Protein backbone atom coordinates (compact mmCIF):
# COMPACT_ATOMS: atom_id res chain seq x y z
CA UNK A 1 -34.08 -26.01 18.27
CA UNK A 2 -31.75 -27.26 15.60
CA UNK A 3 -28.56 -28.80 16.86
CA UNK A 4 -26.97 -28.78 13.43
CA UNK A 5 -23.40 -27.67 13.27
CA UNK A 6 -23.06 -24.65 11.07
CA UNK A 7 -19.74 -23.69 9.53
CA UNK A 8 -17.89 -20.96 11.34
CA UNK A 9 -17.64 -17.89 9.15
CA UNK A 10 -14.52 -15.85 9.76
CA UNK A 11 -14.63 -12.45 8.08
CA UNK A 12 -11.63 -11.45 6.02
CA UNK A 13 -9.90 -8.16 6.61
CA UNK A 14 -9.43 -7.79 2.85
CA UNK A 15 -11.96 -7.48 0.07
CA UNK A 16 -12.16 -10.54 -2.16
CA UNK A 17 -10.01 -10.12 -5.24
CA UNK A 18 -9.81 -12.49 -8.18
CA UNK A 19 -6.23 -12.97 -9.29
CA UNK A 20 -5.35 -13.97 -12.83
CA UNK A 21 -1.76 -14.71 -11.80
CA UNK A 22 -0.68 -14.76 -8.14
CA UNK A 23 -0.73 -11.14 -6.94
CA UNK A 24 -1.98 -9.63 -10.21
CA UNK A 25 -5.58 -8.86 -11.13
CA UNK A 26 -6.73 -8.35 -14.70
CA UNK A 27 -6.34 -4.58 -14.51
CA UNK A 28 -2.85 -4.91 -13.02
CA UNK A 29 -1.81 -7.11 -15.91
CA UNK A 30 -3.32 -4.62 -18.35
CA UNK A 31 -1.27 -1.82 -16.75
CA UNK A 32 1.90 -3.93 -16.96
CA UNK A 33 1.08 -4.63 -20.61
CA UNK A 34 0.59 -0.92 -21.34
CA UNK A 35 3.88 -0.06 -19.63
CA UNK A 36 5.58 -2.90 -21.50
CA UNK A 37 4.26 -1.69 -24.85
CA UNK A 38 5.35 1.89 -24.18
CA UNK A 39 8.76 0.65 -22.97
CA UNK A 40 9.12 -1.47 -26.12
CA UNK A 41 8.42 1.53 -28.34
CA UNK A 42 10.92 3.68 -26.43
CA UNK A 43 13.47 0.83 -26.48
CA UNK A 44 13.14 0.54 -30.26
CA UNK A 45 13.62 4.31 -30.53
CA UNK A 46 16.74 4.07 -28.33
CA UNK A 47 18.12 1.25 -30.48
CA UNK A 48 17.54 3.20 -33.69
CA UNK A 49 19.36 6.25 -32.33
CA UNK A 50 22.32 4.56 -30.63
CA UNK A 51 22.56 1.13 -32.34
CA UNK A 52 23.22 -0.27 -28.86
CA UNK A 53 20.93 -3.20 -28.16
CA UNK A 54 22.12 -3.61 -24.56
CA UNK A 55 20.76 -0.19 -23.59
CA UNK A 56 17.46 -0.85 -25.34
CA UNK A 57 16.94 -4.30 -23.82
CA UNK A 58 18.03 -3.07 -20.39
CA UNK A 59 15.57 -0.18 -20.52
CA UNK A 60 12.75 -2.50 -21.59
CA UNK A 61 13.47 -5.07 -18.87
CA UNK A 62 13.83 -2.37 -16.22
CA UNK A 63 10.50 -0.75 -17.11
CA UNK A 64 8.56 -4.03 -17.16
CA UNK A 65 10.16 -5.22 -13.89
CA UNK A 66 9.47 -1.89 -12.19
CA UNK A 67 5.83 -1.93 -13.30
CA UNK A 68 5.43 -5.52 -12.08
CA UNK A 69 6.97 -4.70 -8.69
CA UNK A 70 4.88 -1.56 -8.23
CA UNK A 71 1.59 -3.21 -9.22
CA UNK A 72 2.06 -6.56 -7.42
CA UNK A 73 -0.44 -6.99 -4.58
CA UNK A 74 0.56 -8.39 -1.20
CA UNK A 75 -1.33 -10.48 1.34
CA UNK A 76 -3.60 -7.55 2.23
CA UNK A 77 -4.40 -6.75 -1.44
CA UNK A 78 -2.38 -3.55 -1.40
CA UNK A 79 0.11 -2.64 -4.06
CA UNK A 80 2.93 -0.10 -3.80
CA UNK A 81 0.72 2.76 -5.00
CA UNK A 82 -1.90 1.97 -2.32
CA UNK A 83 0.79 1.92 0.37
CA UNK A 84 2.10 5.34 -0.70
CA UNK A 85 -1.46 6.68 -0.67
CA UNK A 86 -2.00 5.32 2.87
CA UNK A 87 1.25 6.91 4.06
CA UNK A 88 0.28 10.29 2.60
CA UNK A 89 -3.18 10.16 4.21
CA UNK A 90 -1.61 9.26 7.56
CA UNK A 91 0.87 12.10 7.27
CA UNK A 92 -1.95 14.59 6.66
CA UNK A 93 -4.19 13.26 9.44
CA UNK A 94 -4.32 14.79 12.88
CA UNK A 95 -2.57 12.69 15.45
CA UNK A 96 -3.70 12.58 19.07
CA UNK A 97 -1.29 11.30 21.68
CA UNK A 98 -2.09 10.80 25.33
CA UNK A 99 0.57 12.16 27.61
CA UNK A 100 1.04 13.33 31.17
CA UNK A 101 3.15 16.34 31.97
CA UNK A 102 5.78 15.61 34.58
CA UNK A 103 8.24 18.25 35.68
CA UNK A 104 11.46 16.31 36.21
CA UNK A 105 13.12 19.05 38.23
CA UNK A 106 10.16 19.32 40.57
CA UNK A 107 10.12 15.54 41.05
CA UNK A 108 13.83 15.54 41.84
CA UNK A 109 13.43 18.39 44.33
CA UNK A 110 10.56 16.61 46.08
CA UNK A 111 12.56 13.36 46.23
CA UNK A 112 15.57 15.22 47.62
CA UNK A 113 13.44 16.94 50.29
CA UNK A 114 11.90 13.59 51.19
CA UNK A 115 15.34 12.00 51.55
CA UNK A 116 16.57 14.91 53.68
CA UNK A 117 13.54 14.55 55.96
CA UNK A 118 14.17 10.83 56.35
CA UNK A 119 17.85 11.44 57.07
CA UNK A 120 16.99 13.98 59.78
CA UNK A 121 14.67 11.49 61.47
CA UNK A 122 17.34 8.75 61.38
CA UNK A 123 20.27 11.00 62.38
CA UNK A 124 20.45 9.70 65.97
CA UNK A 125 20.26 6.00 65.07
CA UNK A 126 23.23 3.98 63.92
CA UNK A 127 23.17 2.38 60.52
CA UNK A 128 24.73 -1.05 60.31
CA UNK A 129 24.55 -1.43 56.55
């Protein structure tokens, strides 16, 4: 028998993901880049039509920030799109709840009858409280 101490292996509840930047994988960064490029082209088009650089820059910044927020992965390697997908699957799934049927009126009637029976038995005795 070997008495060597082996390292304790604790399984992760998340698949291993290699991040390029904290919270972003290579494909996530590629998606942000694609959205940024499309937003830049639309922003240039907006600037050419309105000659208002504030609208164009605001649109570009908004699109890139929205893409980054949607595609950022959290501690459990889920991004916003994955969370929406999980919510939709849960909404469609059949839910089973354990419950016991209790008729409140019947319980009240039984409790009232029980109290009346106790009061009849104690009718002759004096209550000091």
